[in-house]
C-alpha atoms as a PDB file:
ATOM      1  CA  MET A   1       0.000   0.000   0.000  1.00  0.00           C
ATOM      2  CA  TYR A   2       1.387   3.409  -0.903  1.00  0.00           C
ATOM      3  CA  LEU A   3       1.260   6.836   0.645  1.00  0.00           C
ATOM      4  CA  HIS A   4      -0.792   9.003  -1.693  1.00  0.00           C
ATOM      5  CA  PRO A   5       0.376  12.650  -1.855  1.00  0.00           C
ATOM      6  CA  LEU A   6      -3.176  13.713  -0.993  1.00  0.00           C
ATOM      7  CA  ILE A   7      -2.913  12.260   2.519  1.00  0.00           C
ATOM      8  CA  ALA A   8       0.740  13.090   3.152  1.00  0.00           C
ATOM      9  CA  SER A   9      -0.218  15.739   5.728  1.00  0.00           C
ATOM     10  CA  VAL A  10      -2.408  13.346   7.756  1.00  0.00           C
ATOM     11  CA  PRO A  11      -0.795  12.288  11.076  1.00  0.00           C
ATOM     12  CA  PRO A  12       1.092   8.978  10.705  1.00  0.00           C
ATOM     13  CA  ASP A  13      -1.069   6.931  13.090  1.00  0.00           C
ATOM     14  CA  GLU A  14      -4.291   8.071  11.453  1.00  0.00           C
ATOM     15  CA  ARG A  15      -2.820   7.566   8.005  1.00  0.00           C
ATOM     16  CA  ALA A  16      -1.733   4.020   8.842  1.00  0.00           C
ATOM     17  CA  ALA A  17      -5.229   3.193  10.145  1.00  0.00           C
ATOM     18  CA  PHE A  18      -6.783   4.636   6.982  1.00  0.00           C
ATOM     19  CA  VAL A  19      -4.659   2.620   4.556  1.00  0.00           C
ATOM     20  CA  GLN A  20      -5.502  -0.598   6.411  1.00  0.00           C
ATOM     21  CA  ARG A  21      -9.125  -0.127   5.298  1.00  0.00           C
ATOM     22  CA  ILE A  22      -8.158   0.102   1.636  1.00  0.00           C
ATOM     23  CA  GLU A  23      -8.525  -2.941  -0.615  1.00  0.00           C
ATOM     24  CA  LEU A  24      -5.880  -3.715  -3.240  1.00  0.00           C
ATOM     25  CA  ARG A  25      -7.096  -5.160  -6.548  1.00  0.00           C
ATOM     26  CA  SER A  26      -5.157  -6.223  -9.635  1.00  0.00           C
ATOM     27  CA  CYS A  27      -6.763  -6.227 -13.093  1.00  0.00           C
ATOM     28  CA  ARG A  28      -5.786  -7.709 -16.430  1.00  0.00           C
ATOM     29  CA  ARG A  29      -5.661  -5.571 -19.549  1.00  0.00           C
ATOM     30  CA  ASN A  30      -9.165  -5.020 -20.998  1.00  0.00           C
ATOM     31  CA  GLU A  31     -10.808  -6.269 -17.805  1.00  0.00           C
ATOM     32  CA  VAL A  32     -13.989  -4.425 -16.789  1.00  0.00           C
ATOM     33  CA  VAL A  33     -13.371  -2.916 -13.368  1.00  0.00           C
ATOM     34  CA  LEU A  34     -16.780  -1.272 -12.871  1.00  0.00           C
ATOM     35  CA  GLY A  35     -19.820  -1.431 -15.106  1.00  0.00           C
ATOM     36  CA  ALA A  36     -22.018   1.481 -16.134  1.00  0.00           C
ATOM     37  CA  ASP A  37     -25.062   1.800 -13.837  1.00  0.00           C
ATOM     38  CA  GLU A  38     -23.383  -0.497 -11.286  1.00  0.00           C
ATOM     39  CA  TRP A  39     -23.665   0.549  -7.649  1.00  0.00           C
ATOM     40  CA  THR A  40     -20.512   0.823  -5.549  1.00  0.00           C
ATOM     41  CA  ASP A  41     -19.413   2.216  -2.206  1.00  0.00           C
ATOM     42  CA  ARG A  42     -15.774   2.556  -3.245  1.00  0.00           C
ATOM     43  CA  ILE A  43     -13.545   5.267  -4.682  1.00  0.00           C
ATOM     44  CA  TYR A  44     -11.144   3.880  -7.299  1.00  0.00           C
ATOM     45  CA  CYS A  45      -7.537   5.076  -7.204  1.00  0.00           C
ATOM     46  CA  VAL A  46      -4.983   3.831  -9.730  1.00  0.00           C
ATOM     47  CA  ALA A  47      -1.696   2.665  -8.218  1.00  0.00           C
ATOM     48  CA  THR A  48      -0.059   1.367 -11.405  1.00  0.00           C
ATOM     49  CA  GLY A  49      -1.348   1.014 -14.957  1.00  0.00           C
ATOM     50  CA  LEU A  50      -4.177   2.929 -16.616  1.00  0.00           C
ATOM     51  CA  LEU A  51      -7.987   2.895 -16.673  1.00  0.00           C
ATOM     52  CA  ARG A  52     -10.310   4.030 -19.446  1.00  0.00           C
ATOM     53  CA  VAL A  53     -13.617   5.750 -18.647  1.00  0.00           C
ATOM     54  CA  VAL A  54     -16.066   4.522 -21.279  1.00  0.00           C
ATOM     55  CA  VAL A  55     -19.644   5.531 -22.081  1.00  0.00           C
ATOM     56  CA  GLN A  56     -22.050   4.024 -24.577  1.00  0.00           C
ATOM     57  CA  GLY A  57     -22.168   5.989 -27.821  1.00  0.00           C
ATOM     58  CA  SER A  58     -24.564   5.682 -30.709  1.00  0.00           C
ATOM     59  CA  GLU A  59     -24.899   2.430 -32.625  1.00  0.00           C
ATOM     60  CA  ASP A  60     -22.546   3.787 -35.280  1.00  0.00           C
ATOM     61  CA  SER A  61     -19.873   5.133 -32.923  1.00  0.00           C
ATOM     62  CA  GLY A  62     -19.959   2.334 -30.358  1.00  0.00           C
ATOM     63  CA  ASP A  63     -18.254   2.842 -27.013  1.00  0.00           C
ATOM     64  CA  VAL A  64     -16.593   6.217 -26.427  1.00  0.00           C
ATOM     65  CA  THR A  65     -13.546   6.723 -24.190  1.00  0.00           C
ATOM     66  CA  THR A  66     -14.137  10.010 -22.399  1.00  0.00           C
ATOM     67  CA  ASP A  67     -11.195  10.011 -20.010  1.00  0.00           C
ATOM     68  CA  PHE A  68      -8.198   8.107 -18.667  1.00  0.00           C
ATOM     69  CA  ILE A  69      -7.438   7.526 -14.986  1.00  0.00           C
ATOM     70  CA  ARG A  70      -3.689   7.520 -14.483  1.00  0.00           C
ATOM     71  CA  PRO A  71      -1.622   6.573 -11.398  1.00  0.00           C
ATOM     72  CA  ASP A  72      -2.469   8.674  -8.323  1.00  0.00           C
ATOM     73  CA  ASP A  73      -5.784   9.748  -9.871  1.00  0.00           C
ATOM     74  CA  PHE A  74      -9.331   8.890  -8.753  1.00  0.00           C
ATOM     75  CA  PHE A  75     -12.672   7.789 -10.129  1.00  0.00           C
ATOM     76  CA  LEU A  76     -15.402   8.748  -7.681  1.00  0.00           C
ATOM     77  CA  SER A  77     -18.955  10.010  -7.355  1.00  0.00           C
ATOM     78  CA  ALA A  78     -19.842  13.585  -8.235  1.00  0.00           C
ATOM     79  CA  THR A  79     -20.635  14.008  -4.540  1.00  0.00           C
ATOM     80  CA  LEU A  80     -19.299  12.444  -1.356  1.00  0.00           C
ATOM     81  CA  THR A  81     -22.538  12.992   0.563  1.00  0.00           C
ATOM     82  CA  GLU A  82     -23.773   9.452  -0.186  1.00  0.00           C
ATOM     83  CA  GLU A  83     -21.971   6.300   0.886  1.00  0.00           C
ATOM     84  CA  ARG A  84     -23.003   4.506  -2.333  1.00  0.00           C
ATOM     85  CA  TYR A  85     -23.269   5.825  -5.875  1.00  0.00           C
ATOM     86  CA  GLN A  86     -24.259   4.523  -9.287  1.00  0.00           C
ATOM     87  CA  SER A  87     -21.487   4.722 -11.862  1.00  0.00           C
ATOM     88  CA  GLY A  88     -22.331   6.710 -14.963  1.00  0.00           C
ATOM     89  CA  ALA A  89     -19.567   5.044 -16.992  1.00  0.00           C
ATOM     90  CA  THR A  90     -17.708   1.772 -17.411  1.00  0.00           C
ATOM     91  CA  LEU A  91     -14.145   1.492 -16.112  1.00  0.00           C
ATOM     92  CA  ILE A  92     -11.871  -0.704 -18.224  1.00  0.00           C
ATOM     93  CA  ALA A  93      -8.199  -1.479 -17.625  1.00  0.00           C
ATOM     94  CA  ALA A  94      -6.322  -0.095 -20.647  1.00  0.00           C
ATOM     95  CA  LEU A  95      -3.163  -1.791 -19.312  1.00  0.00           C
ATOM     96  CA  PRO A  96      -2.505  -4.298 -16.512  1.00  0.00           C
ATOM     97  CA  THR A  97      -3.548  -2.196 -13.526  1.00  0.00           C
ATOM     98  CA  SER A  98      -3.343  -2.193  -9.736  1.00  0.00           C
ATOM     99  CA  LEU A  99      -6.128  -0.336  -7.957  1.00  0.00           C
ATOM    100  CA  TYR A 100      -6.848   0.859  -4.461  1.00  0.00           C
ATOM    101  CA  LEU A 101     -10.523   0.624  -3.550  1.00  0.00           C
ATOM    102  CA  ILE A 102     -11.201   3.200  -0.852  1.00  0.00           C
ATOM    103  CA  PRO A 103     -14.466   3.071   1.142  1.00  0.00           C
ATOM    104  CA  THR A 104     -16.340   6.283   0.365  1.00  0.00           C
ATOM    105  CA  VAL A 105     -17.448   6.682   3.984  1.00  0.00           C
ATOM    106  CA  GLU A 106     -13.827   6.472   5.202  1.00  0.00           C
ATOM    107  CA  PHE A 107     -12.604   8.990   2.654  1.00  0.00           C
ATOM    108  CA  ARG A 108     -15.430  11.385   3.461  1.00  0.00           C
ATOM    109  CA  ALA A 109     -14.586  11.190   7.170  1.00  0.00           C
ATOM    110  CA  LEU A 110     -10.944  11.920   6.369  1.00  0.00           C
ATOM    111  CA  CYS A 111     -11.995  15.011   4.376  1.00  0.00           C
ATOM    112  CA  ASN A 112     -14.155  16.197   7.286  1.00  0.00           C
ATOM    113  CA  ARG A 113     -11.240  15.924   9.703  1.00  0.00           C
ATOM    114  CA  HIS A 114      -8.606  17.401   7.403  1.00  0.00           C
ATOM    115  CA  PRO A 115      -9.595  20.352   5.172  1.00  0.00           C
ATOM    116  CA  ALA A 116      -6.243  20.109   3.381  1.00  0.00           C
ATOM    117  CA  VAL A 117      -7.297  16.725   1.990  1.00  0.00           C
ATOM    118  CA  THR A 118     -10.567  18.248   0.736  1.00  0.00           C
ATOM    119  CA  MET A 119      -8.733  21.125  -0.942  1.00  0.00           C
ATOM    120  CA  GLY A 120      -6.258  18.737  -2.529  1.00  0.00           C
ATOM    121  CA  LEU A 121      -9.088  16.624  -3.919  1.00  0.00           C
ATOM    122  CA  LEU A 122     -10.822  19.750  -5.232  1.00  0.00           C
ATOM    123  CA  GLY A 123      -7.635  20.760  -7.017  1.00  0.00           C
ATOM    124  CA  MET A 124      -7.423  17.355  -8.683  1.00  0.00           C
ATOM    125  CA  VAL A 125     -11.056  17.548  -9.818  1.00  0.00           C
ATOM    126  CA  MET A 126     -10.518  21.037 -11.269  1.00  0.00           C
ATOM    127  CA  LYS A 127      -7.439  19.852 -13.135  1.00  0.00           C
ATOM    128  CA  ARG A 128      -9.386  16.926 -14.599  1.00  0.00           C
ATOM    129  CA  THR A 129     -12.246  19.224 -15.622  1.00  0.00           C
ATOM    130  CA  THR A 130      -9.818  21.535 -17.422  1.00  0.00           C
ATOM    131  CA  ALA A 131      -8.299  18.569 -19.268  1.00  0.00           C
ATOM    132  CA  LEU A 132     -11.755  17.340 -20.344  1.00  0.00           C
ATOM    133  CA  ARG A 133     -12.655  20.785 -21.669  1.00  0.00           C
ATOM    134  CA  ARG A 134      -9.427  20.863 -23.644  1.00  0.00           C
ATOM    135  CA  GLN A 135     -10.199  17.438 -25.105  1.00  0.00           C
ATOM    136  CA  ILE A 136     -13.688  18.573 -26.157  1.00  0.00           C
ATOM    137  CA  ARG A 137     -12.202  21.673 -27.824  1.00  0.00           C
ATOM    138  CA  GLN A 138      -9.668  19.570 -29.697  1.00  0.00           C
ATOM    139  CA  ILE A 139     -12.284  17.116 -30.952  1.00  0.00           C
ATOM    140  CA  SER A 140     -14.583  19.910 -32.106  1.00  0.00           C
ATOM    141  CA  SER A 141     -12.016  22.185 -33.762  1.00  0.00           C
ATOM    142  CA  ALA A 142      -8.754  20.416 -34.616  1.00  0.00           C
ATOM    143  CA  SER A 143      -7.979  18.557 -37.822  1.00  0.00           C
ATOM    144  CA  SER A 144      -7.737  14.776 -37.557  1.00  0.00           C
ATOM    145  CA  GLU A 145      -3.939  14.937 -37.842  1.00  0.00           C
ATOM    146  CA  ARG A 146      -3.635  17.624 -35.190  1.00  0.00           C
ATOM    147  CA  LEU A 147      -6.005  15.766 -32.875  1.00  0.00           C
ATOM    148  CA  ILE A 148      -4.286  12.397 -33.233  1.00  0.00           C
ATOM    149  CA  SER A 149      -0.869  13.986 -32.796  1.00  0.00           C
ATOM    150  CA  ARG A 150      -1.926  15.581 -29.519  1.00  0.00           C
ATOM    151  CA  ILE A 151      -3.440  12.323 -28.295  1.00  0.00           C
ATOM    152  CA  LEU A 152      -0.263  10.384 -29.140  1.00  0.00           C
ATOM    153  CA  HIS A 153       1.753  12.851 -27.101  1.00  0.00           C
ATOM    154  CA  GLU A 154      -0.744  12.646 -24.250  1.00  0.00           C
ATOM    155  CA  LEU A 155      -0.354   8.861 -24.248  1.00  0.00           C
ATOM    156  CA  THR A 156       3.387   9.248 -23.636  1.00  0.00           C
ATOM    157  CA  GLU A 157       2.392  10.743 -20.269  1.00  0.00           C
ATOM    158  CA  LEU A 158      -0.593   8.478 -19.544  1.00  0.00           C
ATOM    159  CA  ALA A 159       1.001   5.177 -20.579  1.00  0.00           C
ATOM    160  CA  PRO A 160       4.758   5.723 -20.897  1.00  0.00           C
ATOM    161  CA  GLY A 161       6.736   2.952 -22.576  1.00  0.00           C
ATOM    162  CA  SER A 162       9.778   1.336 -21.005  1.00  0.00           C
ATOM    163  CA  GLY A 163      12.170   3.155 -23.355  1.00  0.00           C
ATOM    164  CA  GLY A 164      10.187   6.326 -23.949  1.00  0.00           C
ATOM    165  CA  GLY A 165       7.183   6.967 -26.159  1.00  0.00           C
ATOM    166  CA  TYR A 166       3.973   5.239 -25.136  1.00  0.00           C
ATOM    167  CA  ASP A 167       3.069   1.631 -24.453  1.00  0.00           C
ATOM    168  CA  LYS A 168       2.274  -0.105 -27.748  1.00  0.00           C
ATOM    169  CA  ARG A 169      -0.515  -2.079 -26.045  1.00  0.00           C
ATOM    170  CA  ILE A 170      -2.643   1.068 -26.359  1.00  0.00           C
ATOM    171  CA  THR A 171      -4.381   0.148 -29.592  1.00  0.00           C
ATOM    172  CA  GLN A 172      -5.592   2.267 -32.473  1.00  0.00           C
ATOM    173  CA  SER A 173      -9.124   1.250 -31.486  1.00  0.00           C
ATOM    174  CA  VAL A 174      -8.618   2.943 -28.108  1.00  0.00           C
ATOM    175  CA  ILE A 175      -7.205   6.038 -29.823  1.00  0.00           C
ATOM    176  CA  ALA A 176     -10.211   6.113 -32.153  1.00  0.00           C
ATOM    177  CA  SER A 177     -12.591   5.784 -29.200  1.00  0.00           C
ATOM    178  CA  TYR A 178     -10.891   8.684 -27.414  1.00  0.00           C
ATOM    179  CA  SER A 179     -10.561  10.936 -30.472  1.00  0.00           C
ATOM    180  CA  GLY A 180     -14.089  10.489 -31.826  1.00  0.00           C
ATOM    181  CA  LEU A 181     -12.622   9.384 -35.172  1.00  0.00           C
ATOM    182  CA  SER A 182     -13.076   6.099 -36.988  1.00  0.00           C
ATOM    183  CA  ARG A 183     -10.573   3.290 -36.587  1.00  0.00           C
ATOM    184  CA  MET A 184      -9.844   3.545 -40.332  1.00  0.00           C
ATOM    185  CA  GLN A 185      -9.135   7.274 -40.094  1.00  0.00           C
ATOM    186  CA  VAL A 186      -6.772   6.783 -37.146  1.00  0.00           C
ATOM    187  CA  ASN A 187      -4.933   4.016 -38.998  1.00  0.00           C
ATOM    188  CA  LYS A 188      -4.578   6.117 -42.140  1.00  0.00           C
ATOM    189  CA  THR A 189      -3.328   9.167 -40.233  1.00  0.00           C
ATOM    190  CA  MET A 190      -0.813   7.195 -38.165  1.00  0.00           C
ATOM    191  CA  ARG A 191       0.514   5.438 -41.272  1.00  0.00           C
ATOM    192  CA  ASP A 192       1.005   8.833 -42.917  1.00  0.00           C
ATOM    193  CA  LEU A 193       2.809  10.178 -39.828  1.00  0.00           C
ATOM    194  CA  GLU A 194       5.083   7.127 -39.888  1.00  0.00           C
ATOM    195  CA  ARG A 195       5.772   7.584 -43.605  1.00  0.00           C
ATOM    196  CA  ARG A 196       6.821  11.181 -42.938  1.00  0.00           C
ATOM    197  CA  GLY A 197       9.141  10.119 -40.134  1.00  0.00           C
ATOM    198  CA  LEU A 198       7.059  11.767 -37.406  1.00  0.00           C
ATOM    199  CA  VAL A 199       6.105   8.529 -35.662  1.00  0.00           C
ATOM    200  CA  ARG A 200       8.126   5.375 -35.201  1.00  0.00           C
ATOM    201  CA  ARG A 201       7.518   2.155 -33.322  1.00  0.00           C
ATOM    202  CA  ASP A 202       9.513  -0.816 -32.084  1.00  0.00           C
ATOM    203  CA  GLU A 203       9.056  -3.701 -29.661  1.00  0.00           C
ATOM    204  CA  HIS A 204       9.113  -1.306 -26.682  1.00  0.00           C
ATOM    205  CA  GLY A 205       6.631   1.366 -27.699  1.00  0.00           C
ATOM    206  CA  VAL A 206       5.491   4.080 -30.101  1.00  0.00           C
ATOM    207  CA  TYR A 207       7.588   7.264 -30.257  1.00  0.00           C
ATOM    208  CA  VAL A 208       6.490  10.785 -31.192  1.00  0.00           C
ATOM    209  CA  PRO A 209       8.372  14.116 -31.346  1.00  0.00           C
ATOM    210  CA  PRO A 210       7.998  16.793 -28.627  1.00  0.00           C
ATOM    211  CA  HIS A 211       6.288  19.274 -30.943  1.00  0.00           C
ATOM    212  CA  PHE A 212       3.171  17.056 -30.946  1.00  0.00           C
ATOM    213  CA  ALA A 213       2.413  18.804 -27.632  1.00  0.00           C
ATOM    214  CA  SER A 214       2.398  22.248 -29.252  1.00  0.00           C
ATOM    215  CA  SER A 215      -0.515  24.684 -29.326  1.00  0.00           C
ATOM    216  CA  ASP A 216      -3.787  23.657 -30.969  1.00  0.00           C
ATOM    217  CA  PHE A 217      -3.300  26.502 -33.440  1.00  0.00           C
ATOM    218  CA  GLN A 218       0.135  25.504 -34.684  1.00  0.00           C
ATOM    219  CA  GLU A 219       0.591  23.381 -37.801  1.00  0.00           C
ATOM    220  CA  LEU A 220       2.681  20.235 -37.987  1.00  0.00           C
ATOM    221  CA  PRO A 221       5.846  20.481 -40.085  1.00  0.00           C
ATOM    222  CA  SER A 222       5.986  18.276 -43.140  1.00  0.00           C
ATOM    223  CA  SER A 223       8.755  16.154 -41.674  1.00  0.00           C
ATOM    224  CA  GLU A 224      10.938  16.024 -38.625  1.00  0.00           C
ATOM    225  CA  PRO A 225      12.887  13.104 -37.142  1.00  0.00           C
ATOM    226  CA  PRO A 226      11.334  11.616 -34.006  1.00  0.00           C
ATOM    227  CA  ALA A 227      12.845  12.504 -30.662  1.00  0.00           C
ATOM    228  CA  PRO A 228      15.359   9.953 -29.320  1.00  0.00           C
ATOM    229  CA  ALA A 229      14.028   7.660 -26.637  1.00  0.00           C
ATOM    230  CA  PRO A 230      15.264   8.601 -23.136  1.00  0.00           C
ATOM    231  CA  GLN A 231      17.640   6.314 -21.322  1.00  0.00           C
ATOM    232  CA  ASP A 232      16.405   4.337 -18.335  1.00  0.00           C
ATOM    233  CA  ASP A 233      18.127   6.673 -15.903  1.00  0.00           C
ATOM    234  CA  GLU A 234      16.207   9.614 -17.379  1.00  0.00           C
ATOM    235  CA  VAL A 235      12.835   8.255 -16.341  1.00  0.00           C
ATOM    236  CA  GLY A 236      11.337  10.253 -13.475  1.00  0.00           C
ATOM    237  CA  PRO A 237      10.793   8.831  -9.984  1.00  0.00           C
ATOM    238  CA  SER A 238       7.608   7.102  -8.950  1.00  0.00           C
ATOM    239  CA  PHE A 239       4.765   9.197  -7.570  1.00  0.00           C
ATOM    240  CA  PHE A 240       4.360   6.728  -4.725  1.00  0.00           C
ATOM    241  CA  SER A 241       5.974   6.250  -1.333  1.00  0.00           C
ATOM    242  CA  GLU A 242       5.620   2.579  -0.499  1.00  0.00           C
ATOM    243  CA  LEU A 243       4.052   1.520   2.796  1.00  0.00           C
ATOM    244  CA  LEU A 244       3.219  -2.021   1.733  1.00  0.00           C
ATOM    245  CA  GLU A 245       4.365  -3.828  -1.373  1.00  0.00           C
ATOM    246  CA  THR A 246       2.377  -3.156  -4.576  1.00  0.00           C
ATOM    247  CA  PRO A 247       2.319  -5.775  -7.381  1.00  0.00           C
ATOM    248  CA  LYS A 248       4.585  -4.646 -10.168  1.00  0.00           C
ATOM    249  CA  ASP A 249       3.227  -6.763 -13.049  1.00  0.00           C
ATOM    250  CA  GLY A 250      -0.474  -5.932 -12.688  1.00  0.00           C
ATOM    251  CA  SER A 251      -1.359  -9.620 -12.948  1.00  0.00           C
ATOM    252  CA  SER A 252      -4.778 -10.711 -11.747  1.00  0.00           C
ATOM    253  CA  LYS A 253      -5.060 -12.520  -8.455  1.00  0.00           C
ATOM    254  CA  GLY A 254      -6.367 -16.092  -8.479  1.00  0.00           C
END
């Protein structure tokens, strides 16, 4: 079990008692963690891996990925006033994932006792809301190439590969679901980016240049070599402080 930055200011004894009430769960890639309309009394916090937040689209569009839950981030009810809530979306493991299932009633009590925890949670929610607004703006206004380029760069932060880039297990179908484009359009655009030397892939991941993170209003250059993959010692430290051991491979129990 890890020490989440959100509860770092909680006194050690109280913090230790709180983490003992948290359940650890490991999920396989593509495993459904929580179904839409399912009732739960837990808050879902990603320890390792990545979750997709999926809603049902039209018959033509199929499922739509509206958000990703990365390590140290939460999926929770819109309000903490109720102990149980009905999920408005399906949670699916985009990669092998380890989760912490936090009882809502315990987390709410912690917020009541420690305003700093409440403010920290509010800051996280505001940051997520800003990111969702940006994603909506990109989908509605950016060209397919610009949109896919930004998403590929975002994936390098959401699902970093072992040697840089992003984890190649994130499929084009997932990218299509998140971008609002067809699988065929994503495939065509990515093939064109590869042909122009802007995207490359190997057995470790998919690599994109830094300028894919540029402003929505900037145009992509016609060609530019991809950025070199960082060495292992360049990878940043973990966001976690370990209290108990967390599974590293994300394999499912049992």
